[in-house]
């Protein structure tokens, strides 16, 4: 898996003049070698899980770090992942204090071809562990203002009574 001239994919063919890549969508890209200024090999030996996870303000950060680190250790002890992980994912630092919460930087080392699968497995396990321990992942909050039926503004800007809402019986009759 490489990135060349702004295109990422698996190398299918190369010659002195061009390199052919197939991306994750199955699209085949032919890149003239003269257009390649930088070539990035994404699957050579080892890679990092580099994950940012945000927890809600009010979360016990030490507890959240402890849970993330425990999930990483459990992942490394799992027979399926034991040979794929070179270093278990763990919290490296508090990355940011953002709009929605506190962001934790999680790093781990894996065999390079496993970088995407390992990161996905880590996210899945973190969701379960956070749910189990009551740690909230923040989401944007919305405030919806609702005017009651008697507060509908008329043309004059004054509140005027609204028409009465139908009763349950009237709704039931209307659906028959």
N, C-alpha and C. Protein backbone atom coordinates (compact mmCIF):
# COMPACT_ATOMS: atom_id res chain seq x y z
N UNK A 1 0.86 -1.16 0.00
CA UNK A 1 0.00 0.00 0.00
C UNK A 1 0.91 1.23 0.00
N UNK A 2 0.74 2.07 -0.99
CA UNK A 2 1.59 3.25 -1.12
C UNK A 2 0.76 4.48 -1.42
N UNK A 3 1.38 5.63 -1.27
CA UNK A 3 0.79 6.90 -1.67
C UNK A 3 1.77 7.56 -2.61
N UNK A 4 1.32 7.81 -3.85
CA UNK A 4 2.15 8.44 -4.89
C UNK A 4 1.37 9.55 -5.55
N UNK A 5 1.95 10.68 -5.71
CA UNK A 5 1.35 11.78 -6.46
C UNK A 5 -0.10 12.03 -6.04
N UNK A 6 -0.38 11.94 -4.74
CA UNK A 6 -1.72 12.22 -4.23
C UNK A 6 -2.70 11.07 -4.35
N UNK A 7 -2.25 9.89 -4.75
CA UNK A 7 -3.11 8.72 -4.92
C UNK A 7 -2.60 7.61 -4.01
N UNK A 8 -3.53 6.94 -3.30
CA UNK A 8 -3.15 5.82 -2.44
C UNK A 8 -3.74 4.53 -2.99
N UNK A 9 -2.98 3.45 -2.85
CA UNK A 9 -3.49 2.16 -3.29
C UNK A 9 -2.42 1.10 -3.23
N UNK A 10 -2.82 -0.11 -3.63
CA UNK A 10 -1.90 -1.23 -3.70
C UNK A 10 -1.23 -1.24 -5.07
N UNK A 11 0.08 -1.42 -5.08
CA UNK A 11 0.81 -1.44 -6.35
C UNK A 11 0.45 -2.73 -7.09
N UNK A 12 -0.08 -2.56 -8.31
CA UNK A 12 -0.40 -3.72 -9.14
C UNK A 12 0.65 -3.95 -10.21
N UNK A 13 1.29 -2.87 -10.66
CA UNK A 13 2.28 -3.01 -11.72
C UNK A 13 3.17 -1.77 -11.69
N UNK A 14 4.42 -1.93 -12.14
CA UNK A 14 5.28 -0.77 -12.29
C UNK A 14 6.30 -1.06 -13.37
N UNK A 15 6.72 0.00 -14.01
CA UNK A 15 7.73 -0.10 -15.06
C UNK A 15 8.61 1.14 -14.95
N UNK A 16 9.51 1.31 -15.91
CA UNK A 16 10.35 2.50 -15.89
C UNK A 16 9.55 3.78 -16.10
N UNK A 17 8.40 3.68 -16.78
CA UNK A 17 7.62 4.86 -17.12
C UNK A 17 6.44 5.14 -16.20
N UNK A 18 5.81 4.09 -15.64
CA UNK A 18 4.60 4.32 -14.87
C UNK A 18 4.44 3.30 -13.74
N UNK A 19 3.60 3.68 -12.76
CA UNK A 19 3.23 2.80 -11.66
C UNK A 19 1.71 2.72 -11.64
N UNK A 20 1.19 1.50 -11.53
CA UNK A 20 -0.26 1.30 -11.51
C UNK A 20 -0.69 0.89 -10.10
N UNK A 21 -1.66 1.63 -9.57
CA UNK A 21 -2.19 1.39 -8.22
C UNK A 21 -3.69 1.09 -8.31
N UNK A 22 -4.18 0.30 -7.36
CA UNK A 22 -5.63 0.08 -7.21
C UNK A 22 -6.00 0.57 -5.81
N UNK A 23 -6.96 1.52 -5.73
CA UNK A 23 -7.35 2.07 -4.43
C UNK A 23 -8.39 1.20 -3.75
N UNK A 24 -8.82 1.59 -2.56
CA UNK A 24 -9.77 0.79 -1.78
C UNK A 24 -11.13 0.66 -2.45
N UNK A 25 -11.48 1.58 -3.33
CA UNK A 25 -12.74 1.51 -4.05
C UNK A 25 -12.62 0.61 -5.29
N UNK A 26 -11.42 0.13 -5.59
CA UNK A 26 -11.22 -0.71 -6.75
C UNK A 26 -10.82 0.06 -8.00
N UNK A 27 -10.67 1.36 -7.88
CA UNK A 27 -10.29 2.19 -9.03
C UNK A 27 -8.81 2.00 -9.31
N UNK A 28 -8.48 1.80 -10.59
CA UNK A 28 -7.08 1.64 -10.99
C UNK A 28 -6.54 3.00 -11.45
N UNK A 29 -5.41 3.38 -10.87
CA UNK A 29 -4.77 4.66 -11.19
C UNK A 29 -3.41 4.37 -11.83
N UNK A 30 -3.14 5.01 -12.96
CA UNK A 30 -1.84 4.92 -13.60
C UNK A 30 -1.13 6.24 -13.39
N UNK A 31 0.00 6.17 -12.69
CA UNK A 31 0.74 7.37 -12.33
C UNK A 31 2.05 7.38 -13.12
N UNK A 32 2.26 8.40 -13.96
CA UNK A 32 3.55 8.50 -14.63
C UNK A 32 4.64 8.70 -13.58
N UNK A 33 5.71 7.95 -13.69
CA UNK A 33 6.77 8.04 -12.69
C UNK A 33 7.37 9.44 -12.61
N UNK A 34 7.31 10.20 -13.70
CA UNK A 34 7.80 11.58 -13.69
C UNK A 34 6.97 12.48 -12.81
N UNK A 35 5.72 12.08 -12.49
CA UNK A 35 4.85 12.88 -11.64
C UNK A 35 5.07 12.58 -10.16
N UNK A 36 5.89 11.58 -9.86
CA UNK A 36 6.10 11.18 -8.47
C UNK A 36 7.25 11.99 -7.88
N UNK A 37 6.91 12.84 -6.92
CA UNK A 37 7.93 13.60 -6.20
C UNK A 37 8.24 12.94 -4.86
N UNK A 38 7.19 12.35 -4.24
CA UNK A 38 7.34 11.68 -2.96
C UNK A 38 6.56 10.37 -3.03
N UNK A 39 7.18 9.30 -2.60
CA UNK A 39 6.51 8.00 -2.53
C UNK A 39 6.48 7.57 -1.07
N UNK A 40 5.28 7.24 -0.57
CA UNK A 40 5.12 6.82 0.83
C UNK A 40 4.66 5.37 0.86
N UNK A 41 5.45 4.52 1.50
CA UNK A 41 5.09 3.11 1.66
C UNK A 41 4.35 2.97 2.99
N UNK A 42 3.07 2.63 2.92
CA UNK A 42 2.24 2.55 4.12
C UNK A 42 2.27 1.19 4.79
N UNK A 43 2.92 0.21 4.18
CA UNK A 43 2.89 -1.15 4.73
C UNK A 43 4.28 -1.76 4.86
N UNK A 44 5.25 -0.98 5.25
CA UNK A 44 6.60 -1.50 5.40
C UNK A 44 6.92 -1.75 6.87
N UNK A 45 7.08 -2.96 7.24
CA UNK A 45 7.49 -3.48 8.55
C UNK A 45 6.50 -3.13 9.67
N UNK A 46 6.49 -1.90 10.16
CA UNK A 46 5.59 -1.55 11.26
C UNK A 46 4.91 -0.23 10.99
N UNK A 47 3.81 0.00 11.73
CA UNK A 47 3.05 1.24 11.61
C UNK A 47 2.46 1.57 12.98
N UNK A 48 1.90 2.73 13.07
CA UNK A 48 1.30 3.18 14.33
C UNK A 48 -0.21 3.16 14.26
N UNK A 49 -0.80 2.75 15.38
CA UNK A 49 -2.19 3.11 15.63
C UNK A 49 -2.08 4.52 16.20
N UNK A 50 -2.70 5.47 15.58
CA UNK A 50 -2.64 6.86 16.00
C UNK A 50 -4.08 7.35 16.08
N UNK A 51 -4.66 7.25 17.27
CA UNK A 51 -6.08 7.47 17.44
C UNK A 51 -6.34 8.58 18.45
N UNK A 52 -7.19 9.52 18.10
CA UNK A 52 -7.65 10.53 19.05
C UNK A 52 -9.06 10.14 19.50
N UNK A 53 -9.28 10.11 20.80
CA UNK A 53 -10.60 9.79 21.36
C UNK A 53 -10.97 10.91 22.30
N UNK A 54 -12.18 11.44 22.13
CA UNK A 54 -12.65 12.53 22.97
C UNK A 54 -13.66 12.00 23.97
N UNK A 55 -13.46 12.36 25.24
CA UNK A 55 -14.41 12.02 26.30
C UNK A 55 -15.03 13.31 26.81
N UNK A 56 -16.24 13.19 27.33
CA UNK A 56 -16.99 14.37 27.76
C UNK A 56 -16.30 15.06 28.94
N UNK A 57 -16.49 16.38 29.00
CA UNK A 57 -16.04 17.12 30.18
C UNK A 57 -16.76 16.54 31.39
N UNK A 58 -16.08 16.49 32.50
CA UNK A 58 -16.65 15.90 33.71
C UNK A 58 -16.23 14.46 33.90
N UNK A 59 -15.62 13.86 32.87
CA UNK A 59 -15.12 12.50 32.98
C UNK A 59 -13.88 12.48 33.86
N UNK A 60 -13.75 11.46 34.67
CA UNK A 60 -12.52 11.27 35.45
C UNK A 60 -11.44 10.84 34.45
N UNK A 61 -10.56 11.74 34.11
CA UNK A 61 -9.55 11.50 33.06
C UNK A 61 -8.62 10.36 33.43
N UNK A 62 -8.22 10.28 34.68
CA UNK A 62 -7.35 9.17 35.10
C UNK A 62 -8.04 7.83 34.91
N UNK A 63 -9.34 7.77 35.20
CA UNK A 63 -10.11 6.54 34.99
C UNK A 63 -10.20 6.22 33.50
N UNK A 64 -10.44 7.21 32.68
CA UNK A 64 -10.54 7.01 31.23
C UNK A 64 -9.21 6.48 30.68
N UNK A 65 -8.10 7.06 31.14
CA UNK A 65 -6.77 6.61 30.70
C UNK A 65 -6.54 5.17 31.13
N UNK A 66 -6.92 4.86 32.34
CA UNK A 66 -6.77 3.50 32.86
C UNK A 66 -7.56 2.49 32.01
N UNK A 67 -8.76 2.87 31.62
CA UNK A 67 -9.60 1.98 30.80
C UNK A 67 -9.00 1.80 29.41
N UNK A 68 -8.56 2.88 28.80
CA UNK A 68 -7.94 2.78 27.47
C UNK A 68 -6.71 1.88 27.52
N UNK A 69 -5.86 2.10 28.51
CA UNK A 69 -4.64 1.29 28.63
C UNK A 69 -4.98 -0.18 28.87
N UNK A 70 -6.03 -0.45 29.67
CA UNK A 70 -6.46 -1.84 29.92
C UNK A 70 -6.99 -2.49 28.65
N UNK A 71 -7.71 -1.72 27.84
CA UNK A 71 -8.22 -2.25 26.56
C UNK A 71 -7.04 -2.60 25.66
N UNK A 72 -6.03 -1.76 25.61
CA UNK A 72 -4.83 -2.04 24.80
C UNK A 72 -4.11 -3.29 25.26
N UNK A 73 -3.95 -3.45 26.58
CA UNK A 73 -3.29 -4.64 27.11
C UNK A 73 -4.09 -5.90 26.81
N UNK A 74 -5.42 -5.81 26.98
CA UNK A 74 -6.28 -6.97 26.69
C UNK A 74 -6.21 -7.33 25.21
N UNK A 75 -6.11 -6.34 24.37
CA UNK A 75 -6.01 -6.60 22.93
C UNK A 75 -4.70 -7.33 22.62
N UNK A 76 -3.62 -6.93 23.28
CA UNK A 76 -2.34 -7.58 23.03
C UNK A 76 -2.32 -9.01 23.57
N UNK A 77 -3.09 -9.28 24.61
CA UNK A 77 -3.15 -10.63 25.17
C UNK A 77 -4.10 -11.54 24.41
N UNK A 78 -4.95 -10.97 23.56
CA UNK A 78 -5.88 -11.75 22.76
C UNK A 78 -5.10 -12.57 21.73
N UNK A 79 -5.32 -13.89 21.64
CA UNK A 79 -4.57 -14.71 20.69
C UNK A 79 -4.67 -14.24 19.23
N UNK A 80 -5.80 -13.65 18.88
CA UNK A 80 -5.97 -13.16 17.50
C UNK A 80 -5.06 -11.97 17.22
N UNK A 81 -4.83 -11.12 18.22
CA UNK A 81 -4.07 -9.89 18.01
C UNK A 81 -2.65 -9.95 18.54
N UNK A 82 -2.32 -10.96 19.31
CA UNK A 82 -1.02 -11.05 19.97
C UNK A 82 0.16 -10.89 19.00
N UNK A 83 0.11 -11.55 17.86
CA UNK A 83 1.22 -11.50 16.90
C UNK A 83 1.16 -10.27 16.00
N UNK A 84 0.03 -9.61 15.98
CA UNK A 84 -0.13 -8.44 15.12
C UNK A 84 0.33 -7.15 15.80
N UNK A 85 0.17 -7.09 17.11
CA UNK A 85 0.55 -5.89 17.86
C UNK A 85 2.00 -6.02 18.32
N UNK A 86 2.77 -5.01 18.08
CA UNK A 86 4.15 -4.97 18.55
C UNK A 86 4.25 -4.23 19.89
N UNK A 87 3.36 -3.27 20.09
CA UNK A 87 3.29 -2.50 21.33
C UNK A 87 1.82 -2.17 21.53
N UNK A 88 1.26 -2.47 22.70
CA UNK A 88 -0.18 -2.26 22.88
C UNK A 88 -0.56 -0.78 22.83
N UNK A 89 -1.74 -0.49 22.30
CA UNK A 89 -2.22 0.90 22.29
C UNK A 89 -2.38 1.40 23.73
N UNK A 90 -1.95 2.63 23.95
CA UNK A 90 -2.08 3.25 25.27
C UNK A 90 -2.18 4.76 25.10
N UNK A 91 -2.67 5.41 26.14
CA UNK A 91 -2.78 6.87 26.09
C UNK A 91 -1.39 7.47 26.23
N UNK A 92 -1.03 8.25 25.26
CA UNK A 92 0.27 8.93 25.26
C UNK A 92 0.19 10.25 26.04
N UNK A 93 -0.96 10.95 25.86
CA UNK A 93 -1.09 12.26 26.52
C UNK A 93 -2.53 12.76 26.37
N UNK A 94 -2.84 13.81 27.12
CA UNK A 94 -4.07 14.57 26.87
C UNK A 94 -3.74 15.49 25.72
N UNK A 95 -4.39 15.27 24.59
CA UNK A 95 -4.06 15.97 23.36
C UNK A 95 -4.67 17.37 23.29
N UNK A 96 -5.93 17.51 23.74
CA UNK A 96 -6.58 18.81 23.58
C UNK A 96 -7.76 18.94 24.54
N UNK A 97 -8.07 20.18 24.84
CA UNK A 97 -9.30 20.54 25.53
C UNK A 97 -10.15 21.23 24.48
N UNK A 98 -11.11 20.51 23.95
CA UNK A 98 -11.85 21.02 22.80
C UNK A 98 -13.24 21.49 23.13
N UNK A 99 -13.98 21.77 22.08
CA UNK A 99 -15.33 22.30 22.20
C UNK A 99 -16.27 21.32 22.90
N UNK A 100 -16.09 20.02 22.63
CA UNK A 100 -17.02 19.02 23.16
C UNK A 100 -16.46 18.22 24.33
N UNK A 101 -15.14 18.20 24.49
CA UNK A 101 -14.59 17.41 25.57
C UNK A 101 -13.08 17.38 25.56
N UNK A 102 -12.53 16.40 26.27
CA UNK A 102 -11.09 16.23 26.43
C UNK A 102 -10.63 15.15 25.47
N UNK A 103 -9.64 15.46 24.63
CA UNK A 103 -9.15 14.51 23.64
C UNK A 103 -7.90 13.81 24.15
N UNK A 104 -7.94 12.47 24.09
CA UNK A 104 -6.80 11.65 24.49
C UNK A 104 -6.10 11.14 23.24
N UNK A 105 -4.78 11.22 23.22
CA UNK A 105 -3.97 10.70 22.10
C UNK A 105 -3.57 9.27 22.46
N UNK A 106 -3.96 8.32 21.60
CA UNK A 106 -3.66 6.90 21.82
C UNK A 106 -2.70 6.46 20.73
N UNK A 107 -1.57 5.86 21.15
CA UNK A 107 -0.59 5.34 20.21
C UNK A 107 -0.29 3.88 20.52
N UNK A 108 -0.04 3.11 19.49
CA UNK A 108 0.38 1.72 19.62
C UNK A 108 1.15 1.37 18.37
N UNK A 109 1.88 0.26 18.39
CA UNK A 109 2.66 -0.15 17.24
C UNK A 109 2.17 -1.52 16.78
N UNK A 110 1.98 -1.66 15.46
CA UNK A 110 1.45 -2.89 14.88
C UNK A 110 2.28 -3.28 13.66
N UNK A 111 2.11 -4.50 13.22
CA UNK A 111 2.68 -4.90 11.93
C UNK A 111 1.98 -4.06 10.87
N UNK A 112 2.74 -3.50 9.96
CA UNK A 112 2.23 -2.48 9.04
C UNK A 112 0.93 -2.84 8.31
N UNK A 113 0.80 -4.04 7.76
CA UNK A 113 -0.45 -4.32 7.03
C UNK A 113 -1.69 -4.36 7.94
N UNK A 114 -1.48 -4.44 9.25
CA UNK A 114 -2.60 -4.54 10.20
C UNK A 114 -3.06 -3.19 10.73
N UNK A 115 -2.45 -2.12 10.29
CA UNK A 115 -2.72 -0.81 10.90
C UNK A 115 -4.20 -0.44 10.88
N UNK A 116 -4.90 -0.68 9.80
CA UNK A 116 -6.30 -0.28 9.69
C UNK A 116 -7.20 -1.22 10.47
N UNK A 117 -6.96 -2.53 10.38
CA UNK A 117 -7.77 -3.49 11.13
C UNK A 117 -7.58 -3.32 12.64
N UNK A 118 -6.36 -3.10 13.07
CA UNK A 118 -6.08 -2.94 14.49
C UNK A 118 -6.73 -1.67 15.04
N UNK A 119 -6.68 -0.60 14.29
CA UNK A 119 -7.31 0.65 14.74
C UNK A 119 -8.83 0.46 14.84
N UNK A 120 -9.43 -0.24 13.88
CA UNK A 120 -10.86 -0.51 13.93
C UNK A 120 -11.23 -1.38 15.12
N UNK A 121 -10.44 -2.40 15.38
CA UNK A 121 -10.69 -3.28 16.53
C UNK A 121 -10.55 -2.49 17.84
N UNK A 122 -9.56 -1.63 17.92
CA UNK A 122 -9.39 -0.81 19.12
C UNK A 122 -10.61 0.08 19.34
N UNK A 123 -11.10 0.74 18.30
CA UNK A 123 -12.28 1.60 18.44
C UNK A 123 -13.49 0.80 18.91
N UNK A 124 -13.68 -0.39 18.35
CA UNK A 124 -14.80 -1.25 18.75
C UNK A 124 -14.70 -1.61 20.23
N UNK A 125 -13.53 -2.01 20.66
CA UNK A 125 -13.33 -2.39 22.07
C UNK A 125 -13.48 -1.19 23.00
N UNK A 126 -13.02 -0.02 22.56
CA UNK A 126 -13.16 1.17 23.40
C UNK A 126 -14.63 1.54 23.58
N UNK A 127 -15.43 1.43 22.53
CA UNK A 127 -16.86 1.72 22.65
C UNK A 127 -17.49 0.85 23.72
N UNK A 128 -17.20 -0.45 23.69
CA UNK A 128 -17.75 -1.37 24.68
C UNK A 128 -17.27 -1.05 26.09
N UNK A 129 -15.99 -0.79 26.24
CA UNK A 129 -15.43 -0.50 27.56
C UNK A 129 -15.97 0.82 28.11
N UNK A 130 -16.08 1.83 27.27
CA UNK A 130 -16.61 3.11 27.73
C UNK A 130 -18.07 2.95 28.17
N UNK A 131 -18.84 2.21 27.40
CA UNK A 131 -20.24 1.98 27.75
C UNK A 131 -20.33 1.24 29.09
N UNK A 132 -19.52 0.21 29.24
CA UNK A 132 -19.50 -0.60 30.47
C UNK A 132 -19.15 0.23 31.70
N UNK A 133 -18.26 1.20 31.54
CA UNK A 133 -17.80 2.00 32.68
C UNK A 133 -18.47 3.38 32.77
N UNK A 134 -19.46 3.63 31.93
CA UNK A 134 -20.20 4.89 32.01
C UNK A 134 -19.43 6.10 31.54
N UNK A 135 -18.48 5.91 30.64
CA UNK A 135 -17.73 7.05 30.10
C UNK A 135 -18.42 7.50 28.82
N UNK A 136 -18.75 8.77 28.79
CA UNK A 136 -19.52 9.31 27.67
C UNK A 136 -18.60 9.89 26.59
N UNK A 137 -18.89 9.51 25.35
CA UNK A 137 -18.24 10.13 24.21
C UNK A 137 -19.16 11.28 23.81
N UNK A 138 -18.66 12.51 23.84
CA UNK A 138 -19.55 13.65 23.61
C UNK A 138 -20.04 13.72 22.17
N UNK A 139 -21.16 14.36 22.03
CA UNK A 139 -21.72 14.63 20.71
C UNK A 139 -22.24 16.07 20.74
N UNK A 140 -22.37 16.66 19.59
CA UNK A 140 -22.85 18.05 19.57
C UNK A 140 -24.21 18.16 20.25
N UNK A 141 -24.37 19.19 21.04
CA UNK A 141 -25.63 19.43 21.73
C UNK A 141 -26.42 20.47 20.95
N UNK A 142 -27.73 20.28 20.90
CA UNK A 142 -28.59 21.25 20.23
C UNK A 142 -29.65 21.70 21.20
N UNK A 143 -29.96 22.97 21.15
CA UNK A 143 -31.04 23.52 21.94
C UNK A 143 -32.16 23.84 20.97
N UNK A 144 -33.34 23.28 21.24
CA UNK A 144 -34.50 23.52 20.39
C UNK A 144 -35.48 24.34 21.19
N UNK A 145 -35.81 25.52 20.68
CA UNK A 145 -36.78 26.38 21.34
C UNK A 145 -38.14 26.05 20.76
N UNK A 146 -39.10 25.84 21.65
CA UNK A 146 -40.45 25.47 21.21
C UNK A 146 -41.43 26.44 21.85
N UNK A 147 -42.24 27.01 21.03
CA UNK A 147 -43.30 27.87 21.55
C UNK A 147 -44.52 27.01 21.78
N UNK A 148 -45.15 27.22 22.91
CA UNK A 148 -46.38 26.48 23.22
C UNK A 148 -47.49 26.95 22.29
N UNK A 149 -48.61 26.19 22.20
CA UNK A 149 -49.71 26.54 21.29
C UNK A 149 -50.30 27.92 21.57
N UNK A 150 -50.25 28.36 22.80
CA UNK A 150 -50.84 29.67 23.11
C UNK A 150 -49.85 30.80 22.86
N UNK A 151 -48.65 30.50 22.38
CA UNK A 151 -47.64 31.53 22.19
C UNK A 151 -47.28 31.75 20.72
N UNK A 152 -48.14 31.34 19.81
CA UNK A 152 -47.87 31.55 18.40
C UNK A 152 -48.07 33.03 18.09
N UNK A 153 -47.10 33.66 17.46
CA UNK A 153 -47.18 35.10 17.19
C UNK A 153 -48.06 35.37 15.99
N UNK A 154 -48.91 36.36 16.09
CA UNK A 154 -49.76 36.78 14.98
C UNK A 154 -49.05 37.82 14.14
N UNK A 155 -49.76 38.41 13.16
CA UNK A 155 -49.17 39.41 12.28
C UNK A 155 -48.69 40.64 13.06
N UNK A 156 -49.36 40.94 14.15
CA UNK A 156 -49.00 42.14 14.91
C UNK A 156 -47.82 41.90 15.83
N UNK A 157 -47.35 40.64 15.88
CA UNK A 157 -46.24 40.34 16.77
C UNK A 157 -46.72 39.95 18.16
N UNK A 158 -48.01 40.12 18.42
CA UNK A 158 -48.58 39.75 19.71
C UNK A 158 -48.87 38.25 19.72
N UNK A 159 -48.74 37.62 20.86
CA UNK A 159 -49.08 36.20 20.98
C UNK A 159 -50.58 36.04 20.85
N UNK A 160 -51.00 35.11 20.02
CA UNK A 160 -52.43 34.83 19.83
C UNK A 160 -52.65 33.36 20.12
N UNK A 161 -53.82 33.02 20.64
CA UNK A 161 -54.09 31.61 20.92
C UNK A 161 -54.10 30.81 19.61
N UNK A 162 -53.55 29.63 19.64
CA UNK A 162 -53.54 28.76 18.47
C UNK A 162 -54.76 27.88 18.50
N UNK A 163 -55.09 27.31 17.37
CA UNK A 163 -56.22 26.39 17.31
C UNK A 163 -55.91 25.20 18.21
N UNK A 164 -56.95 24.68 18.83
CA UNK A 164 -56.77 23.54 19.73
C UNK A 164 -56.28 22.33 18.96
N UNK A 165 -55.39 21.58 19.57
CA UNK A 165 -54.88 20.36 18.94
C UNK A 165 -55.97 19.30 18.98
N UNK A 166 -55.97 18.38 17.99
CA UNK A 166 -56.99 17.32 18.00
C UNK A 166 -56.77 16.39 19.18
N UNK A 167 -57.85 15.86 19.68
CA UNK A 167 -57.77 14.90 20.78
C UNK A 167 -57.37 13.54 20.23
N UNK A 168 -57.03 12.61 21.13
CA UNK A 168 -56.66 11.25 20.72
C UNK A 168 -57.83 10.59 19.98
N UNK A 169 -59.06 10.83 20.45
CA UNK A 169 -60.23 10.24 19.81
C UNK A 169 -60.40 10.76 18.38
N UNK A 170 -60.17 12.07 18.18
CA UNK A 170 -60.28 12.65 16.84
C UNK A 170 -59.20 12.10 15.92
N UNK A 171 -58.03 11.91 16.44
CA UNK A 171 -56.96 11.34 15.63
C UNK A 171 -57.30 9.90 15.24
N UNK A 172 -57.82 9.12 16.19
CA UNK A 172 -58.19 7.73 15.91
C UNK A 172 -59.29 7.66 14.88
N UNK A 173 -60.28 8.56 14.97
CA UNK A 173 -61.38 8.57 13.99
C UNK A 173 -60.88 8.93 12.60
N UNK A 174 -59.91 9.84 12.54
CA UNK A 174 -59.39 10.28 11.24
C UNK A 174 -58.58 9.21 10.54
N UNK A 175 -58.06 8.24 11.27
CA UNK A 175 -57.25 7.20 10.63
C UNK A 175 -58.09 6.03 10.16
N UNK A 176 -59.38 6.00 10.49
CA UNK A 176 -60.23 4.88 10.06
C UNK A 176 -60.74 5.08 8.66
